[in-house]
PDB file of N, CA and C in Angstrom:
ATOM      1  N   MET A   1     102.691  50.837  61.072  1.00  0.00           N
ATOM      2  CA  MET A   1     102.047  49.870  60.211  1.00  0.00           C
ATOM      3  C   MET A   1     102.194  50.319  58.766  1.00  0.00           C
ATOM      4  N   GLY A   2     102.051  49.381  57.868  1.00  0.00           N
ATOM      5  CA  GLY A   2     102.202  49.678  56.450  1.00  0.00           C
ATOM      6  C   GLY A   2     103.074  48.621  55.798  1.00  0.00           C
ATOM      7  N   VAL A   3     103.711  49.007  54.720  1.00  0.00           N
ATOM      8  CA  VAL A   3     104.535  48.073  53.966  1.00  0.00           C
ATOM      9  C   VAL A   3     105.842  47.820  54.709  1.00  0.00           C
ATOM     10  N   VAL A   4     106.185  46.536  54.841  1.00  0.00           N
ATOM     11  CA  VAL A   4     107.476  46.146  55.409  1.00  0.00           C
ATOM     12  C   VAL A   4     108.239  45.383  54.333  1.00  0.00           C
ATOM     13  N   VAL A   5     109.542  45.459  54.431  1.00  0.00           N
ATOM     14  CA  VAL A   5     110.405  44.716  53.520  1.00  0.00           C
ATOM     15  C   VAL A   5     110.956  43.526  54.283  1.00  0.00           C
ATOM     16  N   LEU A   6     110.614  42.323  53.827  1.00  0.00           N
ATOM     17  CA  LEU A   6     111.096  41.107  54.467  1.00  0.00           C
ATOM     18  C   LEU A   6     112.614  41.028  54.338  1.00  0.00           C
ATOM     19  N   PRO A   7     113.259  40.246  55.176  1.00  0.00           N
ATOM     20  CA  PRO A   7     114.723  40.164  55.136  1.00  0.00           C
ATOM     21  C   PRO A   7     115.288  39.861  53.747  1.00  0.00           C
ATOM     22  N   GLY A   8     114.568  39.082  52.947  1.00  0.00           N
ATOM     23  CA  GLY A   8     115.029  38.751  51.593  1.00  0.00           C
ATOM     24  C   GLY A   8     114.698  39.791  50.546  1.00  0.00           C
ATOM     25  N   GLY A   9     113.959  40.849  50.930  1.00  0.00           N
ATOM     26  CA  GLY A   9     113.664  41.935  50.005  1.00  0.00           C
ATOM     27  C   GLY A   9     112.232  42.032  49.511  1.00  0.00           C
ATOM     28  N   ALA A  10     111.423  40.989  49.708  1.00  0.00           N
ATOM     29  CA  ALA A  10     110.022  41.050  49.280  1.00  0.00           C
ATOM     30  C   ALA A  10     109.254  42.039  50.161  1.00  0.00           C
ATOM     31  N   ARG A  11     108.246  42.660  49.586  1.00  0.00           N
ATOM     32  CA  ARG A  11     107.450  43.658  50.305  1.00  0.00           C
ATOM     33  C   ARG A  11     106.070  43.088  50.635  1.00  0.00           C
ATOM     34  N   VAL A  12     105.589  43.351  51.859  1.00  0.00           N
ATOM     35  CA  VAL A  12     104.271  42.901  52.314  1.00  0.00           C
ATOM     36  C   VAL A  12     103.657  44.023  53.133  1.00  0.00           C
ATOM     37  N   ARG A  13     102.382  44.271  52.912  1.00  0.00           N
ATOM     38  CA  ARG A  13     101.684  45.291  53.702  1.00  0.00           C
ATOM     39  C   ARG A  13     101.004  44.629  54.887  1.00  0.00           C
ATOM     40  N   GLY A  14     101.237  45.166  56.072  1.00  0.00           N
ATOM     41  CA  GLY A  14     100.531  44.744  57.275  1.00  0.00           C
ATOM     42  C   GLY A  14      99.609  45.875  57.670  1.00  0.00           C
ATOM     43  N   ARG A  15      98.339  45.553  57.913  1.00  0.00           N
ATOM     44  CA  ARG A  15      97.422  46.652  58.211  1.00  0.00           C
ATOM     45  C   ARG A  15      96.259  46.225  59.088  1.00  0.00           C
ATOM     46  N   LYS A  16      95.632  47.242  59.630  1.00  0.00           N
ATOM     47  CA  LYS A  16      94.393  47.098  60.382  1.00  0.00           C
ATOM     48  C   LYS A  16      93.265  47.020  59.353  1.00  0.00           C
ATOM     49  N   LEU A  17      92.474  45.955  59.424  1.00  0.00           N
ATOM     50  CA  LEU A  17      91.377  45.807  58.467  1.00  0.00           C
ATOM     51  C   LEU A  17      90.337  46.903  58.661  1.00  0.00           C
ATOM     52  N   GLY A  18      89.710  47.270  57.582  1.00  0.00           N
ATOM     53  CA  GLY A  18      88.681  48.301  57.638  1.00  0.00           C
ATOM     54  C   GLY A  18      89.227  49.690  57.373  1.00  0.00           C
ATOM     55  N   THR A  19      90.558  49.842  57.362  1.00  0.00           N
ATOM     56  CA  THR A  19      91.147  51.133  57.022  1.00  0.00           C
ATOM     57  C   THR A  19      91.337  51.191  55.515  1.00  0.00           C
ATOM     58  N   PRO A  20      91.253  52.370  54.936  1.00  0.00           N
ATOM     59  CA  PRO A  20      91.427  52.481  53.479  1.00  0.00           C
ATOM     60  C   PRO A  20      92.803  51.974  53.047  1.00  0.00           C
ATOM     61  N   ALA A  21      92.821  51.276  51.925  1.00  0.00           N
ATOM     62  CA  ALA A  21      94.081  50.754  51.389  1.00  0.00           C
ATOM     63  C   ALA A  21      93.944  50.574  49.889  1.00  0.00           C
ATOM     64  N   SER A  22      95.058  50.641  49.213  1.00  0.00           N
ATOM     65  CA  SER A  22      95.049  50.366  47.781  1.00  0.00           C
ATOM     66  C   SER A  22      94.906  48.860  47.577  1.00  0.00           C
ATOM     67  N   PRO A  23      94.391  48.448  46.433  1.00  0.00           N
ATOM     68  CA  PRO A  23      94.161  47.023  46.185  1.00  0.00           C
ATOM     69  C   PRO A  23      95.444  46.203  46.251  1.00  0.00           C
ATOM     70  N   ALA A  24      95.284  44.944  46.633  1.00  0.00           N
ATOM     71  CA  ALA A  24      96.382  43.985  46.666  1.00  0.00           C
ATOM     72  C   ALA A  24      96.036  42.820  45.753  1.00  0.00           C
ATOM     73  N   ASP A  25      97.054  42.058  45.371  1.00  0.00           N
ATOM     74  CA  ASP A  25      96.814  40.847  44.589  1.00  0.00           C
ATOM     75  C   ASP A  25      96.323  39.716  45.479  1.00  0.00           C
ATOM     76  N   LEU A  26      96.697  39.779  46.769  1.00  0.00           N
ATOM     77  CA  LEU A  26      96.250  38.780  47.748  1.00  0.00           C
ATOM     78  C   LEU A  26      96.235  39.404  49.131  1.00  0.00           C
ATOM     79  N   ALA A  27      95.145  39.211  49.835  1.00  0.00           N
ATOM     80  CA  ALA A  27      95.053  39.592  51.245  1.00  0.00           C
ATOM     81  C   ALA A  27      94.898  38.319  52.065  1.00  0.00           C
ATOM     82  N   VAL A  28      95.653  38.229  53.148  1.00  0.00           N
ATOM     83  CA  VAL A  28      95.452  37.154  54.112  1.00  0.00           C
ATOM     84  C   VAL A  28      94.786  37.808  55.308  1.00  0.00           C
ATOM     85  N   VAL A  29      93.514  37.483  55.512  1.00  0.00           N
ATOM     86  CA  VAL A  29      92.701  38.080  56.565  1.00  0.00           C
ATOM     87  C   VAL A  29      92.721  37.148  57.765  1.00  0.00           C
ATOM     88  N   LEU A  30      93.156  37.677  58.891  1.00  0.00           N
ATOM     89  CA  LEU A  30      93.372  36.883  60.099  1.00  0.00           C
ATOM     90  C   LEU A  30      92.230  37.120  61.079  1.00  0.00           C
ATOM     91  N   GLY A  31      91.397  36.130  61.254  1.00  0.00           N
ATOM     92  CA  GLY A  31      90.228  36.277  62.128  1.00  0.00           C
ATOM     93  C   GLY A  31      88.985  36.496  61.290  1.00  0.00           C
ATOM     94  N   ARG A  32      88.099  37.305  61.809  1.00  0.00           N
ATOM     95  CA  ARG A  32      86.878  37.635  61.069  1.00  0.00           C
ATOM     96  C   ARG A  32      87.120  38.900  60.279  1.00  0.00           C
ATOM     97  N   GLY A  33      86.694  38.992  59.067  1.00  0.00           N
ATOM     98  CA  GLY A  33      86.851  40.121  58.161  1.00  0.00           C
ATOM     99  C   GLY A  33      86.893  41.480  58.819  1.00  0.00           C
ATOM    100  N   PRO A  34      86.543  42.505  58.157  1.00  0.00           N
ATOM    101  CA  PRO A  34      85.883  42.456  56.852  1.00  0.00           C
ATOM    102  C   PRO A  34      86.859  42.055  55.752  1.00  0.00           C
ATOM    103  N   LEU A  35      86.316  41.327  54.771  1.00  0.00           N
ATOM    104  CA  LEU A  35      87.133  40.946  53.635  1.00  0.00           C
ATOM    105  C   LEU A  35      87.259  42.131  52.689  1.00  0.00           C
ATOM    106  N   PRO A  36      88.439  42.338  52.127  1.00  0.00           N
ATOM    107  CA  PRO A  36      88.602  43.426  51.165  1.00  0.00           C
ATOM    108  C   PRO A  36      87.950  43.054  49.837  1.00  0.00           C
ATOM    109  N   PRO A  37      87.786  44.015  48.944  1.00  0.00           N
ATOM    110  CA  PRO A  37      87.155  43.727  47.650  1.00  0.00           C
ATOM    111  C   PRO A  37      88.125  43.111  46.635  1.00  0.00           C
ATOM    112  N   TRP A  38      89.302  42.671  47.060  1.00  0.00           N
ATOM    113  CA  TRP A  38      90.248  41.994  46.172  1.00  0.00           C
ATOM    114  C   TRP A  38      90.453  40.572  46.678  1.00  0.00           C
ATOM    115  N   PRO A  39      91.162  39.710  45.936  1.00  0.00           N
ATOM    116  CA  PRO A  39      91.308  38.311  46.340  1.00  0.00           C
ATOM    117  C   PRO A  39      91.852  38.184  47.771  1.00  0.00           C
ATOM    118  N   ALA A  40      91.213  37.287  48.531  1.00  0.00           N
ATOM    119  CA  ALA A  40      91.581  37.151  49.944  1.00  0.00           C
ATOM    120  C   ALA A  40      91.451  35.709  50.398  1.00  0.00           C
ATOM    121  N   ARG A  41      92.264  35.370  51.380  1.00  0.00           N
ATOM    122  CA  ARG A  41      92.154  34.095  52.091  1.00  0.00           C
ATOM    123  C   ARG A  41      91.850  34.410  53.534  1.00  0.00           C
ATOM    124  N   LEU A  42      90.834  33.773  54.059  1.00  0.00           N
ATOM    125  CA  LEU A  42      90.436  33.960  55.448  1.00  0.00           C
ATOM    126  C   LEU A  42      91.055  32.858  56.296  1.00  0.00           C
ATOM    127  N   VAL A  43      91.800  33.266  57.317  1.00  0.00           N
ATOM    128  CA  VAL A  43      92.428  32.329  58.245  1.00  0.00           C
ATOM    129  C   VAL A  43      91.725  32.484  59.589  1.00  0.00           C
ATOM    130  N   ARG A  44      91.177  31.393  60.102  1.00  0.00           N
ATOM    131  CA  ARG A  44      90.495  31.445  61.405  1.00  0.00           C
ATOM    132  C   ARG A  44      91.556  31.580  62.496  1.00  0.00           C
ATOM    133  N   TRP A  45      91.581  32.782  63.107  1.00  0.00           N
ATOM    134  CA  TRP A  45      92.647  33.108  64.059  1.00  0.00           C
ATOM    135  C   TRP A  45      92.061  34.034  65.114  1.00  0.00           C
ATOM    136  N   PRO A  46      91.699  33.507  66.290  1.00  0.00           N
ATOM    137  CA  PRO A  46      91.122  34.352  67.343  1.00  0.00           C
ATOM    138  C   PRO A  46      92.118  35.402  67.840  1.00  0.00           C
ATOM    139  N   ASP A  47      91.581  36.524  68.263  1.00  0.00           N
ATOM    140  CA  ASP A  47      92.392  37.607  68.808  1.00  0.00           C
ATOM    141  C   ASP A  47      93.223  37.097  69.990  1.00  0.00           C
ATOM    142  N   PHE A  48      94.481  37.484  70.059  1.00  0.00           N
ATOM    143  CA  PHE A  48      95.426  37.114  71.123  1.00  0.00           C
ATOM    144  C   PHE A  48      95.762  35.629  71.148  1.00  0.00           C
ATOM    145  N   TRP A  49      95.526  34.915  70.066  1.00  0.00           N
ATOM    146  CA  TRP A  49      95.750  33.480  70.073  1.00  0.00           C
ATOM    147  C   TRP A  49      96.585  33.081  68.867  1.00  0.00           C
ATOM    148  N   VAL A  50      96.511  31.826  68.471  1.00  0.00           N
ATOM    149  CA  VAL A  50      97.189  31.310  67.286  1.00  0.00           C
ATOM    150  C   VAL A  50      96.118  30.774  66.336  1.00  0.00           C
ATOM    151  N   PRO A  51      96.482  30.489  65.090  1.00  0.00           N
ATOM    152  CA  PRO A  51      95.462  29.997  64.144  1.00  0.00           C
ATOM    153  C   PRO A  51      94.788  28.723  64.643  1.00  0.00           C
ATOM    154  N   LEU A  52      93.482  28.636  64.409  1.00  0.00           N
ATOM    155  CA  LEU A  52      92.745  27.436  64.803  1.00  0.00           C
ATOM    156  C   LEU A  52      93.129  26.245  63.932  1.00  0.00           C
ATOM    157  N   ASP A  53      93.362  26.487  62.654  1.00  0.00           N
ATOM    158  CA  ASP A  53      93.806  25.444  61.728  1.00  0.00           C
ATOM    159  C   ASP A  53      95.210  25.837  61.281  1.00  0.00           C
ATOM    160  N   ARG A  54      96.188  25.288  61.975  1.00  0.00           N
ATOM    161  CA  ARG A  54      97.577  25.705  61.737  1.00  0.00           C
ATOM    162  C   ARG A  54      98.047  25.351  60.336  1.00  0.00           C
ATOM    163  N   ALA A  55      97.602  24.213  59.811  1.00  0.00           N
ATOM    164  CA  ALA A  55      98.008  23.817  58.457  1.00  0.00           C
ATOM    165  C   ALA A  55      97.460  24.803  57.428  1.00  0.00           C
ATOM    166  N   ASP A  56      96.203  25.199  57.588  1.00  0.00           N
ATOM    167  CA  ASP A  56      95.603  26.167  56.665  1.00  0.00           C
ATOM    168  C   ASP A  56      96.314  27.518  56.764  1.00  0.00           C
ATOM    169  N   ALA A  57      96.624  27.944  57.982  1.00  0.00           N
ATOM    170  CA  ALA A  57      97.320  29.224  58.165  1.00  0.00           C
ATOM    171  C   ALA A  57      98.684  29.187  57.501  1.00  0.00           C
ATOM    172  N   LEU A  58      99.408  28.098  57.705  1.00  0.00           N
ATOM    173  CA  LEU A  58     100.736  27.991  57.110  1.00  0.00           C
ATOM    174  C   LEU A  58     100.643  27.939  55.588  1.00  0.00           C
ATOM    175  N   ASP A  59      99.629  27.273  55.065  1.00  0.00           N
ATOM    176  CA  ASP A  59      99.421  27.231  53.620  1.00  0.00           C
ATOM    177  C   ASP A  59      99.153  28.642  53.076  1.00  0.00           C
ATOM    178  N   ALA A  60      98.307  29.409  53.764  1.00  0.00           N
ATOM    179  CA  ALA A  60      98.002  30.773  53.334  1.00  0.00           C
ATOM    180  C   ALA A  60      99.248  31.661  53.402  1.00  0.00           C
ATOM    181  N   LEU A  61     100.030  31.508  54.464  1.00  0.00           N
ATOM    182  CA  LEU A  61     101.237  32.325  54.608  1.00  0.00           C
ATOM    183  C   LEU A  61     102.310  31.915  53.606  1.00  0.00           C
ATOM    184  N   ARG A  62     102.401  30.644  53.301  1.00  0.00           N
ATOM    185  CA  ARG A  62     103.354  30.207  52.266  1.00  0.00           C
ATOM    186  C   ARG A  62     102.954  30.782  50.905  1.00  0.00           C
ATOM    187  N   GLU A  63     101.655  30.764  50.606  1.00  0.00           N
ATOM    188  CA  GLU A  63     101.188  31.363  49.351  1.00  0.00           C
ATOM    189  C   GLU A  63     101.505  32.859  49.331  1.00  0.00           C
ATOM    190  N   ALA A  64     101.232  33.546  50.446  1.00  0.00           N
ATOM    191  CA  ALA A  64     101.518  34.977  50.522  1.00  0.00           C
ATOM    192  C   ALA A  64     103.007  35.235  50.317  1.00  0.00           C
ATOM    193  N   HIS A  65     103.847  34.443  50.958  1.00  0.00           N
ATOM    194  CA  HIS A  65     105.293  34.610  50.823  1.00  0.00           C
ATOM    195  C   HIS A  65     105.726  34.383  49.375  1.00  0.00           C
ATOM    196  N   ARG A  66     105.271  33.292  48.796  1.00  0.00           N
ATOM    197  CA  ARG A  66     105.623  32.966  47.410  1.00  0.00           C
ATOM    198  C   ARG A  66     105.221  34.097  46.464  1.00  0.00           C
ATOM    199  N   ARG A  67     104.025  34.621  46.652  1.00  0.00           N
ATOM    200  CA  ARG A  67     103.543  35.682  45.768  1.00  0.00           C
ATOM    201  C   ARG A  67     104.268  36.999  46.011  1.00  0.00           C
ATOM    202  N   ALA A  68     104.604  37.290  47.269  1.00  0.00           N
ATOM    203  CA  ALA A  68     105.354  38.517  47.564  1.00  0.00           C
ATOM    204  C   ALA A  68     106.747  38.440  46.956  1.00  0.00           C
ATOM    205  N   VAL A  69     107.397  37.282  47.071  1.00  0.00           N
ATOM    206  CA  VAL A  69     108.728  37.104  46.486  1.00  0.00           C
ATOM    207  C   VAL A  69     108.665  37.279  44.974  1.00  0.00           C
ATOM    208  N   ALA A  70     107.549  36.875  44.373  1.00  0.00           N
ATOM    209  CA  ALA A  70     107.370  37.018  42.924  1.00  0.00           C
ATOM    210  C   ALA A  70     107.029  38.457  42.520  1.00  0.00           C
ATOM    211  N   GLY A  71     106.895  39.346  43.501  1.00  0.00           N
ATOM    212  CA  GLY A  71     106.633  40.749  43.198  1.00  0.00           C
ATOM    213  C   GLY A  71     105.173  41.158  43.215  1.00  0.00           C
ATOM    214  N   GLU A  72     104.290  40.254  43.624  1.00  0.00           N
ATOM    215  CA  GLU A  72     102.877  40.614  43.712  1.00  0.00           C
ATOM    216  C   GLU A  72     102.621  41.449  44.965  1.00  0.00           C
ATOM    217  N   ARG A  73     101.531  42.213  44.927  1.00  0.00           N
ATOM    218  CA  ARG A  73     101.136  43.031  46.084  1.00  0.00           C
ATOM    219  C   ARG A  73     100.373  42.143  47.053  1.00  0.00           C
ATOM    220  N   VAL A  74     100.959  41.933  48.231  1.00  0.00           N
ATOM    221  CA  VAL A  74     100.399  41.040  49.243  1.00  0.00           C
ATOM    222  C   VAL A  74     100.212  41.826  50.531  1.00  0.00           C
ATOM    223  N   GLU A  75      99.119  41.525  51.225  1.00  0.00           N
ATOM    224  CA  GLU A  75      98.896  42.138  52.531  1.00  0.00           C
ATOM    225  C   GLU A  75      98.410  41.095  53.514  1.00  0.00           C
ATOM    226  N   VAL A  76      98.683  41.335  54.800  1.00  0.00           N
ATOM    227  CA  VAL A  76      98.106  40.556  55.887  1.00  0.00           C
ATOM    228  C   VAL A  76      97.461  41.557  56.830  1.00  0.00           C
ATOM    229  N   GLY A  77      96.346  41.172  57.433  1.00  0.00           N
ATOM    230  CA  GLY A  77      95.685  42.098  58.332  1.00  0.00           C
ATOM    231  C   GLY A  77      94.702  41.424  59.254  1.00  0.00           C
ATOM    232  N   CYS A  78      94.460  42.103  60.369  1.00  0.00           N
ATOM    233  CA  CYS A  78      93.474  41.666  61.353  1.00  0.00           C
ATOM    234  C   CYS A  78      92.737  42.904  61.846  1.00  0.00           C
ATOM    235  N   ARG A  79      91.827  42.708  62.765  1.00  0.00           N
ATOM    236  CA  ARG A  79      91.005  43.819  63.250  1.00  0.00           C
ATOM    237  C   ARG A  79      91.837  44.948  63.843  1.00  0.00           C
ATOM    238  N   GLY A  80      92.843  44.615  64.644  1.00  0.00           N
ATOM    239  CA  GLY A  80      93.654  45.657  65.275  1.00  0.00           C
ATOM    240  C   GLY A  80      94.930  45.992  64.534  1.00  0.00           C
ATOM    241  N   GLY A  81      95.416  45.056  63.697  1.00  0.00           N
ATOM    242  CA  GLY A  81      96.619  45.296  62.918  1.00  0.00           C
ATOM    243  C   GLY A  81      97.917  45.139  63.686  1.00  0.00           C
ATOM    244  N   VAL A  82      97.871  44.549  64.901  1.00  0.00           N
ATOM    245  CA  VAL A  82      99.083  44.483  65.724  1.00  0.00           C
ATOM    246  C   VAL A  82      99.494  43.029  66.009  1.00  0.00           C
ATOM    247  N   GLY A  83      98.725  42.326  66.834  1.00  0.00           N
ATOM    248  CA  GLY A  83      99.135  41.006  67.319  1.00  0.00           C
ATOM    249  C   GLY A  83      99.130  39.922  66.264  1.00  0.00           C
ATOM    250  N   ARG A  84      97.965  39.634  65.702  1.00  0.00           N
ATOM    251  CA  ARG A  84      97.891  38.599  64.676  1.00  0.00           C
ATOM    252  C   ARG A  84      98.633  39.023  63.421  1.00  0.00           C
ATOM    253  N   THR A  85      98.454  40.299  63.031  1.00  0.00           N
ATOM    254  CA  THR A  85      99.157  40.800  61.852  1.00  0.00           C
ATOM    255  C   THR A  85     100.660  40.723  62.070  1.00  0.00           C
ATOM    256  N   GLY A  86     101.124  41.154  63.228  1.00  0.00           N
ATOM    257  CA  GLY A  86     102.549  41.092  63.525  1.00  0.00           C
ATOM    258  C   GLY A  86     103.070  39.670  63.566  1.00  0.00           C
ATOM    259  N   THR A  87     102.278  38.755  64.110  1.00  0.00           N
ATOM    260  CA  THR A  87     102.690  37.355  64.157  1.00  0.00           C
ATOM    261  C   THR A  87     102.768  36.779  62.742  1.00  0.00           C
ATOM    262  N   ALA A  88     101.807  37.131  61.893  1.00  0.00           N
ATOM    263  CA  ALA A  88     101.840  36.664  60.498  1.00  0.00           C
ATOM    264  C   ALA A  88     103.042  37.249  59.759  1.00  0.00           C
ATOM    265  N   LEU A  89     103.344  38.521  59.975  1.00  0.00           N
ATOM    266  CA  LEU A  89     104.525  39.122  59.341  1.00  0.00           C
ATOM    267  C   LEU A  89     105.803  38.450  59.836  1.00  0.00           C
ATOM    268  N   ALA A  90     105.867  38.153  61.132  1.00  0.00           N
ATOM    269  CA  ALA A  90     107.031  37.445  61.670  1.00  0.00           C
ATOM    270  C   ALA A  90     107.124  36.046  61.059  1.00  0.00           C
ATOM    271  N   ALA A  91     105.977  35.389  60.856  1.00  0.00           N
ATOM    272  CA  ALA A  91     105.982  34.071  60.214  1.00  0.00           C
ATOM    273  C   ALA A  91     106.514  34.176  58.789  1.00  0.00           C
ATOM    274  N   LEU A  92     106.140  35.232  58.081  1.00  0.00           N
ATOM    275  CA  LEU A  92     106.669  35.440  56.729  1.00  0.00           C
ATOM    276  C   LEU A  92     108.185  35.632  56.772  1.00  0.00           C
ATOM    277  N   ALA A  93     108.674  36.319  57.795  1.00  0.00           N
ATOM    278  CA  ALA A  93     110.125  36.492  57.949  1.00  0.00           C
ATOM    279  C   ALA A  93     110.799  35.155  58.228  1.00  0.00           C
ATOM    280  N   VAL A  94     110.148  34.285  59.009  1.00  0.00           N
ATOM    281  CA  VAL A  94     110.684  32.949  59.260  1.00  0.00           C
ATOM    282  C   VAL A  94     110.714  32.156  57.951  1.00  0.00           C
ATOM    283  N   LEU A  95     109.639  32.227  57.179  1.00  0.00           N
ATOM    284  CA  LEU A  95     109.616  31.547  55.880  1.00  0.00           C
ATOM    285  C   LEU A  95     110.698  32.109  54.957  1.00  0.00           C
ATOM    286  N   ASP A  96     111.079  33.355  55.196  1.00  0.00           N
ATOM    287  CA  ASP A  96     112.115  34.022  54.412  1.00  0.00           C
ATOM    288  C   ASP A  96     113.519  33.667  54.900  1.00  0.00           C
ATOM    289  N   GLY A  97     113.614  32.861  55.991  1.00  0.00           N
ATOM    290  CA  GLY A  97     114.898  32.383  56.465  1.00  0.00           C
ATOM    291  C   GLY A  97     115.383  32.946  57.783  1.00  0.00           C
ATOM    292  N   LEU A  98     114.637  33.864  58.384  1.00  0.00           N
ATOM    293  CA  LEU A  98     115.051  34.450  59.657  1.00  0.00           C
ATOM    294  C   LEU A  98     114.685  33.510  60.808  1.00  0.00           C
ATOM    295  N   PRO A  99     115.570  33.278  61.784  1.00  0.00           N
ATOM    296  CA  PRO A  99     115.196  32.460  62.948  1.00  0.00           C
ATOM    297  C   PRO A  99     114.002  33.088  63.692  1.00  0.00           C
ATOM    298  N   ALA A 100     113.171  32.252  64.297  1.00  0.00           N
ATOM    299  CA  ALA A 100     111.940  32.725  64.940  1.00  0.00           C
ATOM    300  C   ALA A 100     112.199  33.797  65.999  1.00  0.00           C
ATOM    301  N   ASP A 101     113.185  33.610  66.854  1.00  0.00           N
ATOM    302  CA  ASP A 101     113.447  34.610  67.890  1.00  0.00           C
ATOM    303  C   ASP A 101     113.889  35.934  67.281  1.00  0.00           C
ATOM    304  N   ASP A 102     114.643  35.884  66.199  1.00  0.00           N
ATOM    305  CA  ASP A 102     115.037  37.111  65.505  1.00  0.00           C
ATOM    306  C   ASP A 102     113.841  37.740  64.800  1.00  0.00           C
ATOM    307  N   ALA A 103     112.901  36.897  64.341  1.00  0.00           N
ATOM    308  CA  ALA A 103     111.729  37.407  63.631  1.00  0.00           C
ATOM    309  C   ALA A 103     110.851  38.269  64.537  1.00  0.00           C
ATOM    310  N   VAL A 104     110.778  37.922  65.815  1.00  0.00           N
ATOM    311  CA  VAL A 104     109.987  38.730  66.754  1.00  0.00           C
ATOM    312  C   VAL A 104     110.615  40.118  66.886  1.00  0.00           C
ATOM    313  N   ARG A 105     111.917  40.169  67.094  1.00  0.00           N
ATOM    314  CA  ARG A 105     112.598  41.473  67.183  1.00  0.00           C
ATOM    315  C   ARG A 105     112.455  42.248  65.877  1.00  0.00           C
ATOM    316  N   TRP A 106     112.595  41.544  64.767  1.00  0.00           N
ATOM    317  CA  TRP A 106     112.505  42.179  63.451  1.00  0.00           C
ATOM    318  C   TRP A 106     111.127  42.822  63.248  1.00  0.00           C
ATOM    319  N   VAL A 107     110.049  42.064  63.534  1.00  0.00           N
ATOM    320  CA  VAL A 107     108.711  42.597  63.272  1.00  0.00           C
ATOM    321  C   VAL A 107     108.382  43.746  64.228  1.00  0.00           C
ATOM    322  N   ARG A 108     108.895  43.687  65.443  1.00  0.00           N
ATOM    323  CA  ARG A 108     108.672  44.800  66.373  1.00  0.00           C
ATOM    324  C   ARG A 108     109.403  46.056  65.920  1.00  0.00           C
ATOM    325  N   ALA A 109     110.530  45.896  65.276  1.00  0.00           N
ATOM    326  CA  ALA A 109     111.280  47.053  64.772  1.00  0.00           C
ATOM    327  C   ALA A 109     110.695  47.601  63.474  1.00  0.00           C
ATOM    328  N   HIS A 110     110.098  46.721  62.643  1.00  0.00           N
ATOM    329  CA  HIS A 110     109.664  47.145  61.317  1.00  0.00           C
ATOM    330  C   HIS A 110     108.159  47.305  61.141  1.00  0.00           C
ATOM    331  N   HIS A 111     107.371  46.763  62.062  1.00  0.00           N
ATOM    332  CA  HIS A 111     105.910  46.865  61.927  1.00  0.00           C
ATOM    333  C   HIS A 111     105.282  47.596  63.120  1.00  0.00           C
ATOM    334  N   HIS A 112     105.403  47.014  64.300  1.00  0.00           N
ATOM    335  CA  HIS A 112     104.787  47.607  65.488  1.00  0.00           C
ATOM    336  C   HIS A 112     105.523  47.092  66.724  1.00  0.00           C
ATOM    337  N   PRO A 113     105.812  47.950  67.694  1.00  0.00           N
ATOM    338  CA  PRO A 113     106.571  47.514  68.873  1.00  0.00           C
ATOM    339  C   PRO A 113     105.866  46.470  69.735  1.00  0.00           C
ATOM    340  N   ARG A 114     104.541  46.308  69.586  1.00  0.00           N
ATOM    341  CA  ARG A 114     103.819  45.295  70.370  1.00  0.00           C
ATOM    342  C   ARG A 114     103.453  44.063  69.538  1.00  0.00           C
ATOM    343  N   ALA A 115     103.974  43.967  68.320  1.00  0.00           N
ATOM    344  CA  ALA A 115     103.669  42.812  67.464  1.00  0.00           C
ATOM    345  C   ALA A 115     104.080  41.525  68.162  1.00  0.00           C
ATOM    346  N   VAL A 116     103.361  40.450  67.879  1.00  0.00           N
ATOM    347  CA  VAL A 116     103.538  39.141  68.529  1.00  0.00           C
ATOM    348  C   VAL A 116     103.302  39.357  70.025  1.00  0.00           C
ATOM    349  N   GLU A 117     102.035  39.445  70.383  1.00  0.00           N
ATOM    350  CA  GLU A 117     101.636  39.902  71.716  1.00  0.00           C
ATOM    351  C   GLU A 117     101.699  38.856  72.822  1.00  0.00           C
ATOM    352  N   THR A 118     101.624  37.582  72.479  1.00  0.00           N
ATOM    353  CA  THR A 118     101.471  36.577  73.538  1.00  0.00           C
ATOM    354  C   THR A 118     102.577  35.519  73.473  1.00  0.00           C
ATOM    355  N   PRO A 119     102.811  34.849  74.601  1.00  0.00           N
ATOM    356  CA  PRO A 119     103.822  33.777  74.605  1.00  0.00           C
ATOM    357  C   PRO A 119     103.467  32.652  73.636  1.00  0.00           C
ATOM    358  N   TRP A 120     102.184  32.332  73.484  1.00  0.00           N
ATOM    359  CA  TRP A 120     101.801  31.237  72.596  1.00  0.00           C
ATOM    360  C   TRP A 120     101.977  31.640  71.139  1.00  0.00           C
ATOM    361  N   GLN A 121     101.889  32.938  70.807  1.00  0.00           N
ATOM    362  CA  GLN A 121     102.209  33.370  69.440  1.00  0.00           C
ATOM    363  C   GLN A 121     103.710  33.186  69.178  1.00  0.00           C
ATOM    364  N   ARG A 122     104.552  33.515  70.157  1.00  0.00           N
ATOM    365  CA  ARG A 122     105.994  33.293  70.012  1.00  0.00           C
ATOM    366  C   ARG A 122     106.295  31.795  69.874  1.00  0.00           C
ATOM    367  N   ALA A 123     105.620  30.968  70.662  1.00  0.00           N
ATOM    368  CA  ALA A 123     105.826  29.517  70.575  1.00  0.00           C
ATOM    369  C   ALA A 123     105.398  28.996  69.208  1.00  0.00           C
ATOM    370  N   TRP A 124     104.295  29.508  68.672  1.00  0.00           N
ATOM    371  CA  TRP A 124     103.840  29.098  67.343  1.00  0.00           C
ATOM    372  C   TRP A 124     104.887  29.445  66.289  1.00  0.00           C
ATOM    373  N   LEU A 125     105.494  30.612  66.397  1.00  0.00           N
ATOM    374  CA  LEU A 125     106.549  30.992  65.447  1.00  0.00           C
ATOM    375  C   LEU A 125     107.726  30.022  65.524  1.00  0.00           C
ATOM    376  N   ARG A 126     108.116  29.638  66.746  1.00  0.00           N
ATOM    377  CA  ARG A 126     109.229  28.690  66.891  1.00  0.00           C
ATOM    378  C   ARG A 126     108.868  27.340  66.270  1.00  0.00           C
ATOM    379  N   SER A 127     107.601  26.976  66.277  1.00  0.00           N
ATOM    380  CA  SER A 127     107.185  25.688  65.704  1.00  0.00           C
ATOM    381  C   SER A 127     107.282  25.682  64.175  1.00  0.00           C
ATOM    382  N   LEU A 128     107.397  26.849  63.564  1.00  0.00           N
ATOM    383  CA  LEU A 128     107.479  26.924  62.109  1.00  0.00           C
ATOM    384  C   LEU A 128     108.864  26.538  61.593  1.00  0.00           C
ATOM    385  N   ALA A 129     109.875  26.679  62.430  1.00  0.00           N
ATOM    386  CA  ALA A 129     111.262  26.435  61.985  1.00  0.00           C
ATOM    387  C   ALA A 129     111.514  24.972  61.735  1.00  0.00           C
TER     388      ALA A 129
END
């Protein structure tokens, strides 16, 4: 876990919430906080599932992608830092132009080997294309 470089070169930190971290310009918090003391967007996303409000999640991830490409410090995180965080990082890779199936392999190689934990998370990624 930590900073990953998206296929296009932008950097994004993926982390387990509640662990010490340096400030970011934007945090996308997946599920229930804790919210960091810097600007954050809360996305309602149950553990082992997909976002409850898919439009809001995609809006938050598009903002995160746009800001990361612009060179801002962006992070995504959830309670465990693996499934939802990995799925969000894979979604950022899809927004960066990587096909969804390649994004799963990419995030497992660059973030965590168990990232994108469920079949419905993989299906959600394919729906982004």
